[in-house]
Amino acid sequence: QVQVVESGGGLVQSGGSLRLSCAFSGELFSLYAIHWYRQAPGNQRELVASINALMATNYADSVKGRFTITRDNAENTAYLQMNSLKPEDTAVYYCNARFTTTIDYWGQGTQVTVSS
């Protein structure tokens, strides 16, 4: 069965860094686009960063210059490096792996809390 599992969340001070991991279990990982979403209490789920099969990346304006999405196809893992964290980055972060418009998989989320 295909599984997507996030890890690396935690509590960090404002200005600190965290690296989130998205581990993918299954075949054809290199053909999936990977998306990181986040959702804070009372807020809508928002797309934070994406990386496709050609390694092209996209970022939300709010995280440009601070977050970096990467992938290691040999390890079936994608990452979200988060630097210069702010309290407004506090949210549950979710990894989504999409193969087609009708085939995608979600992780359970990992909590990121940034204290001021």
N, C-alpha and C. Protein backbone atom coordinates (compact mmCIF):
# COMPACT_ATOMS: atom_id res chain seq x y z
N GLN A 1 0.84 -1.19 0.00
CA GLN A 1 0.00 0.00 0.00
C GLN A 1 0.88 1.25 0.00
N VAL A 2 0.45 2.26 -0.71
CA VAL A 2 1.16 3.52 -0.74
C VAL A 2 0.91 4.25 0.57
N GLN A 3 1.98 4.77 1.14
CA GLN A 3 1.88 5.57 2.35
C GLN A 3 2.75 6.81 2.23
N VAL A 4 2.30 7.88 2.84
CA VAL A 4 3.05 9.12 2.93
C VAL A 4 3.11 9.49 4.40
N VAL A 5 4.31 9.68 4.92
CA VAL A 5 4.49 9.93 6.35
C VAL A 5 5.39 11.13 6.54
N GLU A 6 4.88 12.15 7.24
CA GLU A 6 5.66 13.34 7.56
C GLU A 6 6.36 13.16 8.90
N SER A 7 7.47 13.84 9.06
CA SER A 7 8.17 13.89 10.33
C SER A 7 9.00 15.16 10.39
N GLY A 8 9.49 15.47 11.57
CA GLY A 8 10.39 16.60 11.73
C GLY A 8 9.79 17.83 12.37
N GLY A 9 8.50 17.81 12.63
CA GLY A 9 7.88 18.95 13.28
C GLY A 9 8.29 19.05 14.73
N GLY A 10 7.97 20.18 15.33
CA GLY A 10 8.31 20.40 16.72
C GLY A 10 8.15 21.84 17.11
N LEU A 11 8.69 22.17 18.26
CA LEU A 11 8.64 23.52 18.81
C LEU A 11 9.98 24.20 18.58
N VAL A 12 9.93 25.40 18.03
CA VAL A 12 11.14 26.15 17.74
C VAL A 12 10.90 27.62 18.02
N GLN A 13 11.94 28.32 18.39
CA GLN A 13 11.84 29.75 18.64
C GLN A 13 11.79 30.53 17.33
N SER A 14 11.18 31.70 17.39
CA SER A 14 11.17 32.58 16.25
C SER A 14 12.60 32.81 15.75
N GLY A 15 12.78 32.72 14.43
CA GLY A 15 14.09 32.85 13.83
C GLY A 15 14.83 31.54 13.67
N GLY A 16 14.31 30.48 14.25
CA GLY A 16 14.94 29.19 14.16
C GLY A 16 14.59 28.45 12.89
N SER A 17 15.05 27.20 12.82
CA SER A 17 14.88 26.38 11.62
C SER A 17 14.38 24.99 11.97
N LEU A 18 13.69 24.40 11.03
CA LEU A 18 13.27 23.01 11.09
C LEU A 18 13.35 22.42 9.70
N ARG A 19 13.56 21.12 9.62
CA ARG A 19 13.48 20.42 8.36
C ARG A 19 12.44 19.32 8.47
N LEU A 20 11.41 19.42 7.66
CA LEU A 20 10.38 18.41 7.60
C LEU A 20 10.72 17.37 6.54
N SER A 21 10.37 16.13 6.81
CA SER A 21 10.58 15.05 5.86
C SER A 21 9.25 14.45 5.46
N CYS A 22 9.17 14.01 4.21
CA CYS A 22 8.00 13.34 3.67
C CYS A 22 8.48 12.04 3.06
N ALA A 23 8.24 10.95 3.74
CA ALA A 23 8.68 9.64 3.29
C ALA A 23 7.55 8.96 2.51
N PHE A 24 7.88 8.48 1.32
CA PHE A 24 6.91 7.89 0.41
C PHE A 24 7.20 6.40 0.30
N SER A 25 6.18 5.59 0.51
CA SER A 25 6.31 4.14 0.37
C SER A 25 5.50 3.71 -0.85
N GLY A 26 6.19 3.19 -1.86
CA GLY A 26 5.51 2.76 -3.07
C GLY A 26 6.40 2.94 -4.28
N GLU A 27 5.84 2.64 -5.44
CA GLU A 27 6.58 2.73 -6.69
C GLU A 27 6.37 4.08 -7.35
N LEU A 28 7.28 4.42 -8.24
CA LEU A 28 7.19 5.58 -9.11
C LEU A 28 7.22 6.90 -8.36
N PHE A 29 7.91 6.94 -7.24
CA PHE A 29 8.01 8.18 -6.48
C PHE A 29 8.52 9.33 -7.34
N SER A 30 9.48 9.05 -8.20
CA SER A 30 10.09 10.11 -8.99
C SER A 30 9.12 10.78 -9.97
N LEU A 31 8.00 10.14 -10.25
CA LEU A 31 7.01 10.70 -11.16
C LEU A 31 5.92 11.50 -10.44
N TYR A 32 5.91 11.46 -9.13
CA TYR A 32 4.93 12.21 -8.35
C TYR A 32 5.40 13.64 -8.12
N ALA A 33 4.47 14.55 -8.18
CA ALA A 33 4.72 15.89 -7.67
C ALA A 33 4.46 15.88 -6.17
N ILE A 34 5.29 16.59 -5.43
CA ILE A 34 5.17 16.66 -3.98
C ILE A 34 4.77 18.08 -3.59
N HIS A 35 3.78 18.16 -2.74
CA HIS A 35 3.28 19.44 -2.26
C HIS A 35 3.28 19.45 -0.74
N TRP A 36 3.71 20.55 -0.17
CA TRP A 36 3.56 20.78 1.26
C TRP A 36 2.45 21.80 1.48
N TYR A 37 1.50 21.42 2.30
CA TYR A 37 0.41 22.29 2.72
C TYR A 37 0.53 22.54 4.22
N ARG A 38 -0.15 23.57 4.68
CA ARG A 38 -0.24 23.79 6.12
C ARG A 38 -1.62 24.33 6.47
N GLN A 39 -2.02 24.08 7.70
CA GLN A 39 -3.30 24.55 8.18
C GLN A 39 -3.18 24.92 9.65
N ALA A 40 -3.47 26.17 9.94
CA ALA A 40 -3.49 26.65 11.31
C ALA A 40 -4.93 26.68 11.80
N PRO A 41 -5.14 26.61 13.11
CA PRO A 41 -6.51 26.66 13.63
C PRO A 41 -7.27 27.89 13.15
N GLY A 42 -8.46 27.67 12.63
CA GLY A 42 -9.28 28.75 12.14
C GLY A 42 -8.94 29.22 10.74
N ASN A 43 -7.90 28.67 10.15
CA ASN A 43 -7.47 29.07 8.82
C ASN A 43 -7.75 27.98 7.79
N GLN A 44 -7.78 28.38 6.53
CA GLN A 44 -7.90 27.41 5.45
C GLN A 44 -6.56 26.73 5.23
N ARG A 45 -6.61 25.54 4.67
CA ARG A 45 -5.39 24.86 4.30
C ARG A 45 -4.78 25.57 3.10
N GLU A 46 -3.49 25.88 3.19
CA GLU A 46 -2.83 26.60 2.12
C GLU A 46 -1.64 25.82 1.58
N LEU A 47 -1.40 25.99 0.30
CA LEU A 47 -0.25 25.38 -0.34
C LEU A 47 0.99 26.21 -0.04
N VAL A 48 2.00 25.56 0.50
CA VAL A 48 3.22 26.24 0.91
C VAL A 48 4.31 26.13 -0.14
N ALA A 49 4.54 24.92 -0.65
CA ALA A 49 5.62 24.68 -1.59
C ALA A 49 5.34 23.42 -2.38
N SER A 50 5.87 23.37 -3.60
CA SER A 50 5.70 22.22 -4.48
C SER A 50 6.99 21.93 -5.22
N ILE A 51 7.18 20.67 -5.55
CA ILE A 51 8.27 20.27 -6.43
C ILE A 51 7.75 19.16 -7.33
N ASN A 52 8.00 19.29 -8.64
CA ASN A 52 7.49 18.30 -9.57
C ASN A 52 8.56 17.30 -9.97
N ALA A 53 8.22 16.43 -10.93
CA ALA A 53 9.12 15.37 -11.33
C ALA A 53 10.37 15.89 -12.02
N LEU A 54 10.31 17.10 -12.56
CA LEU A 54 11.45 17.72 -13.21
C LEU A 54 12.25 18.62 -12.28
N MET A 55 11.92 18.59 -11.00
CA MET A 55 12.59 19.36 -9.97
C MET A 55 12.25 20.84 -9.98
N ALA A 56 11.25 21.23 -10.75
CA ALA A 56 10.79 22.62 -10.71
C ALA A 56 10.05 22.86 -9.41
N THR A 57 10.24 24.03 -8.83
CA THR A 57 9.65 24.33 -7.52
C THR A 57 8.78 25.57 -7.59
N ASN A 58 7.84 25.64 -6.66
CA ASN A 58 7.00 26.81 -6.48
C ASN A 58 6.78 27.02 -4.99
N TYR A 59 6.63 28.28 -4.60
CA TYR A 59 6.47 28.64 -3.20
C TYR A 59 5.38 29.68 -3.03
N ALA A 60 4.71 29.60 -1.90
CA ALA A 60 3.82 30.68 -1.52
C ALA A 60 4.64 31.94 -1.25
N ASP A 61 4.07 33.10 -1.56
CA ASP A 61 4.79 34.34 -1.35
C ASP A 61 5.25 34.51 0.10
N SER A 62 4.46 34.01 1.02
CA SER A 62 4.75 34.19 2.43
C SER A 62 6.00 33.45 2.90
N VAL A 63 6.46 32.47 2.12
CA VAL A 63 7.62 31.68 2.54
C VAL A 63 8.80 31.80 1.59
N LYS A 64 8.65 32.52 0.50
CA LYS A 64 9.75 32.66 -0.45
C LYS A 64 10.98 33.26 0.21
N GLY A 65 12.11 32.66 -0.06
CA GLY A 65 13.35 33.11 0.53
C GLY A 65 13.65 32.51 1.87
N ARG A 66 12.67 31.86 2.48
CA ARG A 66 12.85 31.24 3.79
C ARG A 66 12.75 29.72 3.76
N PHE A 67 11.86 29.20 2.92
CA PHE A 67 11.63 27.76 2.83
C PHE A 67 12.22 27.23 1.54
N THR A 68 12.70 25.99 1.58
CA THR A 68 13.21 25.32 0.40
C THR A 68 12.68 23.90 0.35
N ILE A 69 12.07 23.54 -0.76
CA ILE A 69 11.58 22.18 -0.95
C ILE A 69 12.57 21.43 -1.83
N THR A 70 12.89 20.20 -1.44
CA THR A 70 13.80 19.35 -2.20
C THR A 70 13.26 17.93 -2.20
N ARG A 71 13.86 17.10 -3.03
CA ARG A 71 13.51 15.69 -3.02
C ARG A 71 14.74 14.85 -3.31
N ASP A 72 14.76 13.67 -2.73
CA ASP A 72 15.81 12.69 -2.96
C ASP A 72 15.12 11.44 -3.47
N ASN A 73 15.13 11.27 -4.78
CA ASN A 73 14.40 10.16 -5.38
C ASN A 73 15.00 8.81 -5.01
N ALA A 74 16.29 8.77 -4.74
CA ALA A 74 16.92 7.52 -4.34
C ALA A 74 16.42 7.05 -2.98
N GLU A 75 15.95 7.99 -2.16
CA GLU A 75 15.45 7.66 -0.83
C GLU A 75 13.93 7.74 -0.74
N ASN A 76 13.27 8.05 -1.82
CA ASN A 76 11.80 8.21 -1.82
C ASN A 76 11.35 9.19 -0.74
N THR A 77 12.06 10.29 -0.64
CA THR A 77 11.79 11.26 0.40
C THR A 77 11.87 12.67 -0.14
N ALA A 78 10.95 13.51 0.29
CA ALA A 78 10.99 14.94 0.02
C ALA A 78 11.16 15.69 1.33
N TYR A 79 11.67 16.90 1.24
CA TYR A 79 11.97 17.68 2.42
C TYR A 79 11.45 19.10 2.27
N LEU A 80 11.20 19.71 3.41
CA LEU A 80 10.91 21.13 3.45
C LEU A 80 11.82 21.74 4.51
N GLN A 81 12.84 22.45 4.05
CA GLN A 81 13.73 23.16 4.94
C GLN A 81 13.13 24.52 5.25
N MET A 82 12.90 24.79 6.51
CA MET A 82 12.24 26.01 6.95
C MET A 82 13.22 26.81 7.80
N ASN A 83 13.59 27.98 7.32
CA ASN A 83 14.50 28.87 8.02
C ASN A 83 13.78 30.16 8.39
N SER A 84 14.38 30.89 9.30
CA SER A 84 13.83 32.18 9.73
C SER A 84 12.36 32.07 10.08
N LEU A 85 12.03 31.08 10.86
CA LEU A 85 10.64 30.80 11.18
C LEU A 85 10.01 31.92 11.99
N LYS A 86 8.73 32.13 11.74
CA LYS A 86 7.94 33.16 12.39
C LYS A 86 6.75 32.51 13.09
N PRO A 87 6.20 33.17 14.10
CA PRO A 87 5.02 32.61 14.76
C PRO A 87 3.88 32.31 13.80
N GLU A 88 3.73 33.11 12.76
CA GLU A 88 2.66 32.87 11.80
C GLU A 88 2.88 31.62 10.95
N ASP A 89 4.05 31.00 11.05
CA ASP A 89 4.28 29.72 10.39
C ASP A 89 3.72 28.55 11.19
N THR A 90 3.26 28.81 12.39
CA THR A 90 2.70 27.76 13.23
C THR A 90 1.48 27.13 12.56
N ALA A 91 1.52 25.82 12.40
CA ALA A 91 0.45 25.11 11.71
C ALA A 91 0.76 23.62 11.72
N VAL A 92 -0.21 22.84 11.31
CA VAL A 92 0.05 21.45 10.97
C VAL A 92 0.45 21.41 9.50
N TYR A 93 1.57 20.79 9.23
CA TYR A 93 2.08 20.69 7.87
C TYR A 93 1.82 19.31 7.31
N TYR A 94 1.26 19.29 6.10
CA TYR A 94 0.88 18.04 5.43
C TYR A 94 1.65 17.88 4.13
N CYS A 95 2.06 16.66 3.87
CA CYS A 95 2.67 16.31 2.60
C CYS A 95 1.64 15.64 1.71
N ASN A 96 1.60 16.05 0.45
CA ASN A 96 0.73 15.44 -0.55
C ASN A 96 1.56 15.01 -1.74
N ALA A 97 1.41 13.76 -2.15
CA ALA A 97 2.10 13.23 -3.32
C ALA A 97 1.06 12.97 -4.40
N ARG A 98 1.22 13.62 -5.54
CA ARG A 98 0.24 13.53 -6.62
C ARG A 98 0.85 12.96 -7.88
N PHE A 99 0.22 11.91 -8.38
CA PHE A 99 0.65 11.28 -9.62
C PHE A 99 -0.18 11.78 -10.80
N THR A 100 -1.48 11.77 -10.65
CA THR A 100 -2.42 12.34 -11.60
C THR A 100 -3.46 13.13 -10.82
N THR A 101 -4.39 13.74 -11.54
CA THR A 101 -5.44 14.48 -10.87
C THR A 101 -6.33 13.59 -10.02
N THR A 102 -6.32 12.30 -10.28
CA THR A 102 -7.17 11.37 -9.55
C THR A 102 -6.40 10.41 -8.66
N ILE A 103 -5.09 10.50 -8.66
CA ILE A 103 -4.28 9.62 -7.83
C ILE A 103 -3.33 10.48 -7.00
N ASP A 104 -3.63 10.62 -5.73
CA ASP A 104 -2.73 11.30 -4.82
C ASP A 104 -2.88 10.74 -3.42
N TYR A 105 -1.92 11.06 -2.58
CA TYR A 105 -1.86 10.51 -1.23
C TYR A 105 -1.45 11.60 -0.25
N TRP A 106 -2.05 11.55 0.92
CA TRP A 106 -1.80 12.53 1.98
C TRP A 106 -1.19 11.86 3.20
N GLY A 107 -0.28 12.57 3.82
CA GLY A 107 0.20 12.16 5.12
C GLY A 107 -0.73 12.64 6.22
N GLN A 108 -0.43 12.27 7.44
CA GLN A 108 -1.27 12.61 8.58
C GLN A 108 -0.94 13.98 9.17
N GLY A 109 0.16 14.55 8.78
CA GLY A 109 0.52 15.88 9.25
C GLY A 109 1.52 15.85 10.39
N THR A 110 2.27 16.93 10.49
CA THR A 110 3.21 17.10 11.59
C THR A 110 3.10 18.54 12.10
N GLN A 111 3.06 18.69 13.41
CA GLN A 111 2.83 19.99 14.03
C GLN A 111 4.12 20.80 14.07
N VAL A 112 4.04 22.03 13.61
CA VAL A 112 5.12 22.99 13.74
C VAL A 112 4.63 24.15 14.58
N THR A 113 5.32 24.43 15.66
CA THR A 113 4.96 25.53 16.54
C THR A 113 6.16 26.45 16.69
N VAL A 114 5.96 27.72 16.38
CA VAL A 114 7.02 28.72 16.46
C VAL A 114 6.65 29.70 17.56
N SER A 115 7.47 29.77 18.57
CA SER A 115 7.21 30.65 19.70
C SER A 115 7.87 32.00 19.48
N SER A 116 7.29 33.02 20.09
CA SER A 116 7.83 34.37 19.98
C SER A 116 8.63 34.76 21.21
